[in-house]
Full PDB file with SEQRES, HELIX, SHEET, SSBOND, CRYST1, ORIGX, SCALE, CONECT and MASTER records, all heavy atoms in Angstrom:
SEQRES   1 A   40  ILE PRO GLY ILE CYS LEU ILE ILE THR ALA GLY LEU LEU          
SEQRES   2 A   40  THR ILE CYS ASP TYR ALA LYS SER GLY ILE LYS LYS VAL          
SEQRES   3 A   40  LYS GLN ALA SER TYR ALA ASN ALA PHE ILE ILE GLY ILE          
SEQRES   4 A   40  ALA                                                          
HELIX    1 AA1 PRO A    2  TYR A   18  1                                  17    
HELIX    2 AA2 TYR A   31  ILE A   39  1                                   9    
CRYST1    1.000    1.000    1.000  90.00  90.00  90.00 P 1           1          
ORIGX1      1.000000  0.000000  0.000000        0.00000                         
ORIGX2      0.000000  1.000000  0.000000        0.00000                         
ORIGX3      0.000000  0.000000  1.000000        0.00000                         
SCALE1      1.000000  0.000000  0.000000        0.00000                         
SCALE2      0.000000  1.000000  0.000000        0.00000                         
SCALE3      0.000000  0.000000  1.000000        0.00000                         
ATOM      1  N   ILE A   1     -92.380 -53.732  51.180  1.00  0.00           N  
ATOM      2  CA  ILE A   1     -93.241 -53.073  50.189  1.00  0.00           C  
ATOM      3  C   ILE A   1     -92.801 -51.638  49.899  1.00  0.00           C  
ATOM      4  O   ILE A   1     -92.654 -51.265  48.720  1.00  0.00           O  
ATOM      5  CB  ILE A   1     -94.731 -53.140  50.615  1.00  0.00           C  
ATOM      6  CG1 ILE A   1     -95.194 -54.604  50.608  1.00  0.00           C  
ATOM      7  CG2 ILE A   1     -95.600 -52.298  49.671  1.00  0.00           C  
ATOM      8  CD1 ILE A   1     -96.614 -54.833  51.068  1.00  0.00           C  
ATOM      9  N   PRO A   2     -92.552 -50.786  50.923  1.00  0.00           N  
ATOM     10  CA  PRO A   2     -92.020 -49.457  50.603  1.00  0.00           C  
ATOM     11  C   PRO A   2     -90.702 -49.535  49.828  1.00  0.00           C  
ATOM     12  O   PRO A   2     -90.421 -48.687  48.974  1.00  0.00           O  
ATOM     13  CB  PRO A   2     -91.801 -48.819  51.983  1.00  0.00           C  
ATOM     14  CG  PRO A   2     -92.736 -49.528  52.884  1.00  0.00           C  
ATOM     15  CD  PRO A   2     -92.796 -50.935  52.371  1.00  0.00           C  
ATOM     16  N   GLY A   3     -89.890 -50.559  50.111  1.00  0.00           N  
ATOM     17  CA  GLY A   3     -88.626 -50.724  49.408  1.00  0.00           C  
ATOM     18  C   GLY A   3     -88.829 -50.949  47.915  1.00  0.00           C  
ATOM     19  O   GLY A   3     -88.206 -50.284  47.078  1.00  0.00           O  
ATOM     20  N   ILE A   4     -89.717 -51.883  47.572  1.00  0.00           N  
ATOM     21  CA  ILE A   4     -90.026 -52.162  46.165  1.00  0.00           C  
ATOM     22  C   ILE A   4     -90.607 -50.921  45.491  1.00  0.00           C  
ATOM     23  O   ILE A   4     -90.249 -50.565  44.362  1.00  0.00           O  
ATOM     24  CB  ILE A   4     -91.030 -53.333  46.050  1.00  0.00           C  
ATOM     25  CG1 ILE A   4     -90.361 -54.659  46.437  1.00  0.00           C  
ATOM     26  CG2 ILE A   4     -91.609 -53.419  44.640  1.00  0.00           C  
ATOM     27  CD1 ILE A   4     -89.318 -55.135  45.448  1.00  0.00           C  
ATOM     28  N   CYS A   5     -91.527 -50.249  46.198  1.00  0.00           N  
ATOM     29  CA  CYS A   5     -92.195 -49.073  45.622  1.00  0.00           C  
ATOM     30  C   CYS A   5     -91.221 -47.911  45.401  1.00  0.00           C  
ATOM     31  O   CYS A   5     -91.367 -47.155  44.442  1.00  0.00           O  
ATOM     32  CB  CYS A   5     -93.351 -48.638  46.521  1.00  0.00           C  
ATOM     33  SG  CYS A   5     -94.759 -49.780  46.496  1.00  0.00           S  
ATOM     34  N   LEU A   6     -90.236 -47.759  46.270  1.00  0.00           N  
ATOM     35  CA  LEU A   6     -89.228 -46.709  46.089  1.00  0.00           C  
ATOM     36  C   LEU A   6     -88.396 -46.973  44.824  1.00  0.00           C  
ATOM     37  O   LEU A   6     -88.008 -46.042  44.107  1.00  0.00           O  
ATOM     38  CB  LEU A   6     -88.320 -46.610  47.317  1.00  0.00           C  
ATOM     39  CG  LEU A   6     -88.914 -45.845  48.506  1.00  0.00           C  
ATOM     40  CD1 LEU A   6     -88.138 -46.140  49.777  1.00  0.00           C  
ATOM     41  CD2 LEU A   6     -88.930 -44.347  48.229  1.00  0.00           C  
ATOM     42  N   ILE A   7     -88.137 -48.237  44.537  1.00  0.00           N  
ATOM     43  CA  ILE A   7     -87.404 -48.593  43.307  1.00  0.00           C  
ATOM     44  C   ILE A   7     -88.258 -48.264  42.079  1.00  0.00           C  
ATOM     45  O   ILE A   7     -87.757 -47.771  41.064  1.00  0.00           O  
ATOM     46  CB  ILE A   7     -87.008 -50.088  43.331  1.00  0.00           C  
ATOM     47  CG1 ILE A   7     -85.959 -50.320  44.431  1.00  0.00           C  
ATOM     48  CG2 ILE A   7     -86.457 -50.523  41.969  1.00  0.00           C  
ATOM     49  CD1 ILE A   7     -85.610 -51.775  44.666  1.00  0.00           C  
ATOM     50  N   ILE A   8     -89.572 -48.513  42.181  1.00  0.00           N  
ATOM     51  CA  ILE A   8     -90.491 -48.151  41.086  1.00  0.00           C  
ATOM     52  C   ILE A   8     -90.479 -46.633  40.876  1.00  0.00           C  
ATOM     53  O   ILE A   8     -90.451 -46.149  39.737  1.00  0.00           O  
ATOM     54  CB  ILE A   8     -91.918 -48.648  41.388  1.00  0.00           C  
ATOM     55  CG1 ILE A   8     -91.964 -50.180  41.373  1.00  0.00           C  
ATOM     56  CG2 ILE A   8     -92.927 -48.067  40.377  1.00  0.00           C  
ATOM     57  CD1 ILE A   8     -93.270 -50.772  41.863  1.00  0.00           C  
ATOM     58  N   THR A   9     -90.479 -45.888  41.988  1.00  0.00           N  
ATOM     59  CA  THR A   9     -90.412 -44.424  41.917  1.00  0.00           C  
ATOM     60  C   THR A   9     -89.143 -43.983  41.186  1.00  0.00           C  
ATOM     61  O   THR A   9     -89.179 -43.061  40.355  1.00  0.00           O  
ATOM     62  CB  THR A   9     -90.453 -43.806  43.333  1.00  0.00           C  
ATOM     63  OG1 THR A   9     -91.733 -44.050  43.915  1.00  0.00           O  
ATOM     64  CG2 THR A   9     -90.214 -42.295  43.285  1.00  0.00           C  
ATOM     65  N   ALA A  10     -88.026 -44.632  41.493  1.00  0.00           N  
ATOM     66  CA  ALA A  10     -86.758 -44.312  40.820  1.00  0.00           C  
ATOM     67  C   ALA A  10     -86.891 -44.463  39.302  1.00  0.00           C  
ATOM     68  O   ALA A  10     -86.409 -43.621  38.533  1.00  0.00           O  
ATOM     69  CB  ALA A  10     -85.636 -45.210  41.341  1.00  0.00           C  
ATOM     70  N   GLY A  11     -87.580 -45.515  38.877  1.00  0.00           N  
ATOM     71  CA  GLY A  11     -87.795 -45.748  37.445  1.00  0.00           C  
ATOM     72  C   GLY A  11     -88.658 -44.654  36.818  1.00  0.00           C  
ATOM     73  O   GLY A  11     -88.358 -44.166  35.721  1.00  0.00           O  
ATOM     74  N   LEU A  12     -89.719 -44.252  37.527  1.00  0.00           N  
ATOM     75  CA  LEU A  12     -90.622 -43.206  37.020  1.00  0.00           C  
ATOM     76  C   LEU A  12     -89.896 -41.876  36.867  1.00  0.00           C  
ATOM     77  O   LEU A  12     -90.090 -41.156  35.873  1.00  0.00           O  
ATOM     78  CB  LEU A  12     -91.818 -43.043  37.961  1.00  0.00           C  
ATOM     79  CG  LEU A  12     -92.821 -44.204  37.993  1.00  0.00           C  
ATOM     80  CD1 LEU A  12     -93.832 -43.998  39.114  1.00  0.00           C  
ATOM     81  CD2 LEU A  12     -93.545 -44.321  36.651  1.00  0.00           C  
ATOM     82  N   LEU A  13     -89.057 -41.539  37.840  1.00  0.00           N  
ATOM     83  CA  LEU A  13     -88.324 -40.273  37.799  1.00  0.00           C  
ATOM     84  C   LEU A  13     -87.335 -40.247  36.639  1.00  0.00           C  
ATOM     85  O   LEU A  13     -87.150 -39.208  35.985  1.00  0.00           O  
ATOM     86  CB  LEU A  13     -87.584 -40.045  39.124  1.00  0.00           C  
ATOM     87  CG  LEU A  13     -88.460 -39.925  40.374  1.00  0.00           C  
ATOM     88  CD1 LEU A  13     -87.600 -39.692  41.606  1.00  0.00           C  
ATOM     89  CD2 LEU A  13     -89.481 -38.806  40.231  1.00  0.00           C  
ATOM     90  N   THR A  14     -86.710 -41.383  36.388  1.00  0.00           N  
ATOM     91  CA  THR A  14     -85.769 -41.481  35.271  1.00  0.00           C  
ATOM     92  C   THR A  14     -86.500 -41.275  33.941  1.00  0.00           C  
ATOM     93  O   THR A  14     -86.019 -40.555  33.053  1.00  0.00           O  
ATOM     94  CB  THR A  14     -85.068 -42.856  35.275  1.00  0.00           C  
ATOM     95  OG1 THR A  14     -84.414 -43.048  36.529  1.00  0.00           O  
ATOM     96  CG2 THR A  14     -84.035 -42.944  34.157  1.00  0.00           C  
ATOM     97  N   ILE A  15     -87.679 -41.882  33.831  1.00  0.00           N  
ATOM     98  CA  ILE A  15     -88.504 -41.718  32.623  1.00  0.00           C  
ATOM     99  C   ILE A  15     -88.855 -40.246  32.417  1.00  0.00           C  
ATOM    100  O   ILE A  15     -88.784 -39.719  31.305  1.00  0.00           O  
ATOM    101  CB  ILE A  15     -89.790 -42.570  32.720  1.00  0.00           C  
ATOM    102  CG1 ILE A  15     -89.453 -44.060  32.619  1.00  0.00           C  
ATOM    103  CG2 ILE A  15     -90.796 -42.173  31.633  1.00  0.00           C  
ATOM    104  CD1 ILE A  15     -90.608 -44.984  32.973  1.00  0.00           C  
ATOM    105  N   CYS A  16     -89.216 -39.562  33.499  1.00  0.00           N  
ATOM    106  CA  CYS A  16     -89.604 -38.149  33.424  1.00  0.00           C  
ATOM    107  C   CYS A  16     -88.463 -37.282  32.914  1.00  0.00           C  
ATOM    108  O   CYS A  16     -88.666 -36.387  32.084  1.00  0.00           O  
ATOM    109  CB  CYS A  16     -90.064 -37.652  34.790  1.00  0.00           C  
ATOM    110  SG  CYS A  16     -90.707 -35.955  34.767  1.00  0.00           S  
ATOM    111  N   ASP A  17     -87.267 -37.539  33.397  1.00  0.00           N  
ATOM    112  CA  ASP A  17     -86.095 -36.757  32.971  1.00  0.00           C  
ATOM    113  C   ASP A  17     -85.839 -36.869  31.470  1.00  0.00           C  
ATOM    114  O   ASP A  17     -85.448 -35.904  30.822  1.00  0.00           O  
ATOM    115  CB  ASP A  17     -84.843 -37.213  33.737  1.00  0.00           C  
ATOM    116  CG  ASP A  17     -84.458 -36.240  34.853  1.00  0.00           C  
ATOM    117  OD1 ASP A  17     -85.214 -35.278  35.076  1.00  0.00           O  
ATOM    118  OD2 ASP A  17     -83.416 -36.448  35.485  1.00  0.00           O  
ATOM    119  N   TYR A  18     -86.040 -38.070  30.930  1.00  0.00           N  
ATOM    120  CA  TYR A  18     -85.727 -38.306  29.523  1.00  0.00           C  
ATOM    121  C   TYR A  18     -86.919 -38.084  28.588  1.00  0.00           C  
ATOM    122  O   TYR A  18     -86.769 -38.157  27.367  1.00  0.00           O  
ATOM    123  CB  TYR A  18     -85.177 -39.725  29.340  1.00  0.00           C  
ATOM    124  CG  TYR A  18     -83.768 -39.871  29.890  1.00  0.00           C  
ATOM    125  CD1 TYR A  18     -83.549 -40.388  31.162  1.00  0.00           C  
ATOM    126  CD2 TYR A  18     -82.666 -39.465  29.140  1.00  0.00           C  
ATOM    127  CE1 TYR A  18     -82.265 -40.501  31.678  1.00  0.00           C  
ATOM    128  CE2 TYR A  18     -81.373 -39.575  29.639  1.00  0.00           C  
ATOM    129  CZ  TYR A  18     -81.184 -40.101  30.912  1.00  0.00           C  
ATOM    130  OH  TYR A  18     -79.910 -40.201  31.410  1.00  0.00           O  
ATOM    131  N   ALA A  19     -88.093 -37.820  29.180  1.00  0.00           N  
ATOM    132  CA  ALA A  19     -89.287 -37.587  28.361  1.00  0.00           C  
ATOM    133  C   ALA A  19     -89.197 -36.251  27.625  1.00  0.00           C  
ATOM    134  O   ALA A  19     -88.602 -35.293  28.127  1.00  0.00           O  
ATOM    135  CB  ALA A  19     -90.533 -37.622  29.233  1.00  0.00           C  
ATOM    136  N   LYS A  20     -89.801 -36.195  26.463  1.00  0.00           N  
ATOM    137  CA  LYS A  20     -89.817 -34.972  25.664  1.00  0.00           C  
ATOM    138  C   LYS A  20     -90.660 -33.907  26.372  1.00  0.00           C  
ATOM    139  O   LYS A  20     -91.726 -34.202  26.899  1.00  0.00           O  
ATOM    140  CB  LYS A  20     -90.404 -35.279  24.279  1.00  0.00           C  
ATOM    141  CG  LYS A  20     -90.419 -34.101  23.337  1.00  0.00           C  
ATOM    142  CD  LYS A  20     -91.054 -34.496  22.001  1.00  0.00           C  
ATOM    143  CE  LYS A  20     -91.153 -33.299  21.076  1.00  0.00           C  
ATOM    144  NZ  LYS A  20     -91.828 -33.652  19.792  1.00  0.00           N  
ATOM    145  N   SER A  21     -90.189 -32.681  26.391  1.00  0.00           N  
ATOM    146  CA  SER A  21     -90.934 -31.588  27.011  1.00  0.00           C  
ATOM    147  C   SER A  21     -92.141 -31.236  26.157  1.00  0.00           C  
ATOM    148  O   SER A  21     -92.039 -31.128  24.927  1.00  0.00           O  
ATOM    149  CB  SER A  21     -90.046 -30.354  27.170  1.00  0.00           C  
ATOM    150  OG  SER A  21     -89.027 -30.600  28.105  1.00  0.00           O  
ATOM    151  N   GLY A  22     -93.288 -31.051  26.812  1.00  0.00           N  
ATOM    152  CA  GLY A  22     -94.514 -30.709  26.098  1.00  0.00           C  
ATOM    153  C   GLY A  22     -94.811 -29.217  26.158  1.00  0.00           C  
ATOM    154  O   GLY A  22     -94.051 -28.443  26.743  1.00  0.00           O  
ATOM    155  N   ILE A  23     -95.940 -28.839  25.572  1.00  0.00           N  
ATOM    156  CA  ILE A  23     -96.342 -27.424  25.558  1.00  0.00           C  
ATOM    157  C   ILE A  23     -97.736 -27.214  26.140  1.00  0.00           C  
ATOM    158  O   ILE A  23     -98.218 -26.093  26.233  1.00  0.00           O  
ATOM    159  CB  ILE A  23     -96.322 -26.869  24.119  1.00  0.00           C  
ATOM    160  CG1 ILE A  23     -97.237 -27.705  23.215  1.00  0.00           C  
ATOM    161  CG2 ILE A  23     -94.904 -26.842  23.557  1.00  0.00           C  
ATOM    162  CD1 ILE A  23     -97.526 -27.072  21.871  1.00  0.00           C  
ATOM    163  N   LYS A  24     -98.392 -28.318  26.526  1.00  0.00           N  
ATOM    164  CA  LYS A  24     -99.784 -28.214  26.984  1.00  0.00           C  
ATOM    165  C   LYS A  24     -99.898 -27.476  28.315  1.00  0.00           C  
ATOM    166  O   LYS A  24     -99.128 -27.725  29.254  1.00  0.00           O  
ATOM    167  CB  LYS A  24    -100.389 -29.608  27.162  1.00  0.00           C  
ATOM    168  CG  LYS A  24    -100.671 -30.352  25.881  1.00  0.00           C  
ATOM    169  CD  LYS A  24    -101.342 -31.690  26.206  1.00  0.00           C  
ATOM    170  CE  LYS A  24    -101.559 -32.528  24.976  1.00  0.00           C  
ATOM    171  NZ  LYS A  24    -102.156 -33.851  25.317  1.00  0.00           N  
ATOM    172  N   LYS A  25    -100.876 -26.569  28.365  1.00  0.00           N  
ATOM    173  CA  LYS A  25    -101.330 -25.990  29.622  1.00  0.00           C  
ATOM    174  C   LYS A  25    -102.817 -26.290  29.704  1.00  0.00           C  
ATOM    175  O   LYS A  25    -103.283 -27.232  29.057  1.00  0.00           O  
ATOM    176  CB  LYS A  25    -101.006 -24.497  29.668  1.00  0.00           C  
ATOM    177  CG  LYS A  25     -99.500 -24.221  29.733  1.00  0.00           C  
ATOM    178  CD  LYS A  25     -99.198 -22.744  29.947  1.00  0.00           C  
ATOM    179  CE  LYS A  25     -97.687 -22.521  30.008  1.00  0.00           C  
ATOM    180  NZ  LYS A  25     -97.344 -21.089  30.201  1.00  0.00           N  
ATOM    181  N   VAL A  26    -103.571 -25.532  30.462  1.00  0.00           N  
ATOM    182  CA  VAL A  26    -104.991 -25.859  30.641  1.00  0.00           C  
ATOM    183  C   VAL A  26    -105.742 -25.899  29.310  1.00  0.00           C  
ATOM    184  O   VAL A  26    -106.492 -26.840  29.042  1.00  0.00           O  
ATOM    185  CB  VAL A  26    -105.670 -24.846  31.604  1.00  0.00           C  
ATOM    186  CG1 VAL A  26    -107.152 -25.166  31.734  1.00  0.00           C  
ATOM    187  CG2 VAL A  26    -105.012 -24.889  32.974  1.00  0.00           C  
ATOM    188  N   LYS A  27    -105.552 -24.902  28.472  1.00  0.00           N  
ATOM    189  CA  LYS A  27    -106.314 -24.806  27.216  1.00  0.00           C  
ATOM    190  C   LYS A  27    -106.081 -25.994  26.301  1.00  0.00           C  
ATOM    191  O   LYS A  27    -107.003 -26.491  25.648  1.00  0.00           O  
ATOM    192  CB  LYS A  27    -105.961 -23.503  26.483  1.00  0.00           C  
ATOM    193  CG  LYS A  27    -106.572 -22.266  27.105  1.00  0.00           C  
ATOM    194  CD  LYS A  27    -106.266 -21.031  26.264  1.00  0.00           C  
ATOM    195  CE  LYS A  27    -106.893 -19.784  26.888  1.00  0.00           C  
ATOM    196  NZ  LYS A  27    -106.599 -18.564  26.088  1.00  0.00           N  
ATOM    197  N   GLN A  28    -104.829 -26.465  26.229  1.00  0.00           N  
ATOM    198  CA  GLN A  28    -104.493 -27.549  25.300  1.00  0.00           C  
ATOM    199  C   GLN A  28    -104.738 -28.945  25.885  1.00  0.00           C  
ATOM    200  O   GLN A  28    -104.851 -29.922  25.152  1.00  0.00           O  
ATOM    201  CB  GLN A  28    -103.020 -27.441  24.873  1.00  0.00           C  
ATOM    202  CG  GLN A  28    -102.657 -26.179  24.109  1.00  0.00           C  
ATOM    203  CD  GLN A  28    -102.364 -25.000  25.025  1.00  0.00           C  
ATOM    204  OE1 GLN A  28    -102.218 -25.164  26.236  1.00  0.00           O  
ATOM    205  NE2 GLN A  28    -102.290 -23.815  24.432  1.00  0.00           N  
ATOM    206  N   ALA A  29    -104.777 -29.048  27.201  1.00  0.00           N  
ATOM    207  CA  ALA A  29    -104.929 -30.349  27.860  1.00  0.00           C  
ATOM    208  C   ALA A  29    -106.341 -30.901  27.677  1.00  0.00           C  
ATOM    209  O   ALA A  29    -107.305 -30.150  27.536  1.00  0.00           O  
ATOM    210  CB  ALA A  29    -104.606 -30.225  29.346  1.00  0.00           C  
ATOM    211  N   SER A  30    -106.450 -32.230  27.679  1.00  0.00           N  
ATOM    212  CA  SER A  30    -107.761 -32.876  27.533  1.00  0.00           C  
ATOM    213  C   SER A  30    -108.202 -33.479  28.870  1.00  0.00           C  
ATOM    214  O   SER A  30    -107.392 -33.674  29.784  1.00  0.00           O  
ATOM    215  CB  SER A  30    -107.693 -33.978  26.475  1.00  0.00           C  
ATOM    216  OG  SER A  30    -106.885 -35.058  26.942  1.00  0.00           O  
ATOM    217  N   TYR A  31    -109.488 -33.801  28.947  1.00  0.00           N  
ATOM    218  CA  TYR A  31    -110.010 -34.444  30.161  1.00  0.00           C  
ATOM    219  C   TYR A  31    -109.499 -35.881  30.259  1.00  0.00           C  
ATOM    220  O   TYR A  31    -109.392 -36.420  31.355  1.00  0.00           O  
ATOM    221  CB  TYR A  31    -111.544 -34.396  30.173  1.00  0.00           C  
ATOM    222  CG  TYR A  31    -112.074 -32.981  30.231  1.00  0.00           C  
ATOM    223  CD1 TYR A  31    -112.940 -32.495  29.259  1.00  0.00           C  
ATOM    224  CD2 TYR A  31    -111.691 -32.123  31.264  1.00  0.00           C  
ATOM    225  CE1 TYR A  31    -113.418 -31.189  29.308  1.00  0.00           C  
ATOM    226  CE2 TYR A  31    -112.161 -30.813  31.324  1.00  0.00           C  
ATOM    227  CZ  TYR A  31    -113.023 -30.362  30.340  1.00  0.00           C  
ATOM    228  OH  TYR A  31    -113.477 -29.066  30.407  1.00  0.00           O  
ATOM    229  N   ALA A  32    -109.171 -36.478  29.122  1.00  0.00           N  
ATOM    230  CA  ALA A  32    -108.568 -37.822  29.126  1.00  0.00           C  
ATOM    231  C   ALA A  32    -107.194 -37.765  29.800  1.00  0.00           C  
ATOM    232  O   ALA A  32    -106.834 -38.659  30.584  1.00  0.00           O  
ATOM    233  CB  ALA A  32    -108.438 -38.351  27.699  1.00  0.00           C  
ATOM    234  N   ASN A  33    -106.425 -36.708  29.506  1.00  0.00           N  
ATOM    235  CA  ASN A  33    -105.137 -36.494  30.187  1.00  0.00           C  
ATOM    236  C   ASN A  33    -105.351 -36.441  31.693  1.00  0.00           C  
ATOM    237  O   ASN A  33    -104.630 -37.076  32.468  1.00  0.00           O  
ATOM    238  CB  ASN A  33    -104.499 -35.183  29.740  1.00  0.00           C  
ATOM    239  CG  ASN A  33    -104.034 -35.169  28.301  1.00  0.00           C  
ATOM    240  OD1 ASN A  33    -104.024 -34.129  27.652  1.00  0.00           O  
ATOM    241  ND2 ASN A  33    -103.648 -36.320  27.761  1.00  0.00           N  
ATOM    242  N   ALA A  34    -106.351 -35.671  32.106  1.00  0.00           N  
ATOM    243  CA  ALA A  34    -106.637 -35.489  33.534  1.00  0.00           C  
ATOM    244  C   ALA A  34    -107.006 -36.816  34.200  1.00  0.00           C  
ATOM    245  O   ALA A  34    -106.581 -37.109  35.324  1.00  0.00           O  
ATOM    246  CB  ALA A  34    -107.769 -34.478  33.713  1.00  0.00           C  
ATOM    247  N   PHE A  35    -107.779 -37.640  33.501  1.00  0.00           N  
ATOM    248  CA  PHE A  35    -108.218 -38.934  34.051  1.00  0.00           C  
ATOM    249  C   PHE A  35    -107.032 -39.869  34.254  1.00  0.00           C  
ATOM    250  O   PHE A  35    -106.906 -40.518  35.291  1.00  0.00           O  
ATOM    251  CB  PHE A  35    -109.246 -39.576  33.117  1.00  0.00           C  
ATOM    252  CG  PHE A  35    -109.919 -40.786  33.700  1.00  0.00           C  
ATOM    253  CD1 PHE A  35    -110.933 -40.647  34.644  1.00  0.00           C  
ATOM    254  CD2 PHE A  35    -109.536 -42.067  33.327  1.00  0.00           C  
ATOM    255  CE1 PHE A  35    -111.559 -41.765  35.192  1.00  0.00           C  
ATOM    256  CE2 PHE A  35    -110.146 -43.182  33.867  1.00  0.00           C  
ATOM    257  CZ  PHE A  35    -111.165 -43.027  34.808  1.00  0.00           C  
ATOM    258  N   ILE A  36    -106.139 -39.913  33.264  1.00  0.00           N  
ATOM    259  CA  ILE A  36    -104.942 -40.773  33.351  1.00  0.00           C  
ATOM    260  C   ILE A  36    -104.050 -40.326  34.515  1.00  0.00           C  
ATOM    261  O   ILE A  36    -103.516 -41.156  35.265  1.00  0.00           O  
ATOM    262  CB  ILE A  36    -104.166 -40.745  32.019  1.00  0.00           C  
ATOM    263  CG1 ILE A  36    -104.965 -41.482  30.936  1.00  0.00           C  
ATOM    264  CG2 ILE A  36    -102.784 -41.391  32.181  1.00  0.00           C  
ATOM    265  CD1 ILE A  36    -104.458 -41.265  29.539  1.00  0.00           C  
ATOM    266  N   ILE A  37    -103.896 -39.023  34.685  1.00  0.00           N  
ATOM    267  CA  ILE A  37    -103.095 -38.486  35.788  1.00  0.00           C  
ATOM    268  C   ILE A  37    -103.729 -38.850  37.130  1.00  0.00           C  
ATOM    269  O   ILE A  37    -103.029 -39.169  38.100  1.00  0.00           O  
ATOM    270  CB  ILE A  37    -102.940 -36.949  35.649  1.00  0.00           C  
ATOM    271  CG1 ILE A  37    -102.086 -36.627  34.417  1.00  0.00           C  
ATOM    272  CG2 ILE A  37    -102.312 -36.342  36.898  1.00  0.00           C  
ATOM    273  CD1 ILE A  37    -102.220 -35.203  33.931  1.00  0.00           C  
ATOM    274  N   GLY A  38    -105.054 -38.857  37.179  1.00  0.00           N  
ATOM    275  CA  GLY A  38    -105.766 -39.251  38.399  1.00  0.00           C  
ATOM    276  C   GLY A  38    -105.540 -40.714  38.754  1.00  0.00           C  
ATOM    277  O   GLY A  38    -105.385 -41.067  39.926  1.00  0.00           O  
ATOM    278  N   ILE A  39    -105.498 -41.575  37.729  1.00  0.00           N  
ATOM    279  CA  ILE A  39    -105.200 -43.003  37.952  1.00  0.00           C  
ATOM    280  C   ILE A  39    -103.787 -43.151  38.512  1.00  0.00           C  
ATOM    281  O   ILE A  39    -103.551 -43.906  39.461  1.00  0.00           O  
ATOM    282  CB  ILE A  39    -105.345 -43.804  36.636  1.00  0.00           C  
ATOM    283  CG1 ILE A  39    -106.808 -43.841  36.199  1.00  0.00           C  
ATOM    284  CG2 ILE A  39    -104.807 -45.229  36.813  1.00  0.00           C  
ATOM    285  CD1 ILE A  39    -107.037 -44.467  34.833  1.00  0.00           C  
ATOM    286  N   ALA A  40    -102.849 -42.399  37.930  1.00  0.00           N  
ATOM    287  CA  ALA A  40    -101.456 -42.444  38.401  1.00  0.00           C  
ATOM    288  C   ALA A  40    -101.372 -42.010  39.862  1.00  0.00           C  
ATOM    289  O   ALA A  40    -100.675 -42.634  40.667  1.00  0.00           O  
ATOM    290  CB  ALA A  40    -100.586 -41.531  37.536  1.00  0.00           C  
TER     291      ALA A  40                                                      
MASTER        0    0    0    2    0    0    0    6  290    1    0    4          
END                                                                             
């Protein structure tokens, strides 16, 4: 199980590298953003 999950982590990190950079900080962020991050 840790083996499979580490491979999933590798995929997430790759996605992060290629994702577009945002500009949101506290003022621009929404509570929906916060909820999704909490699920993650």
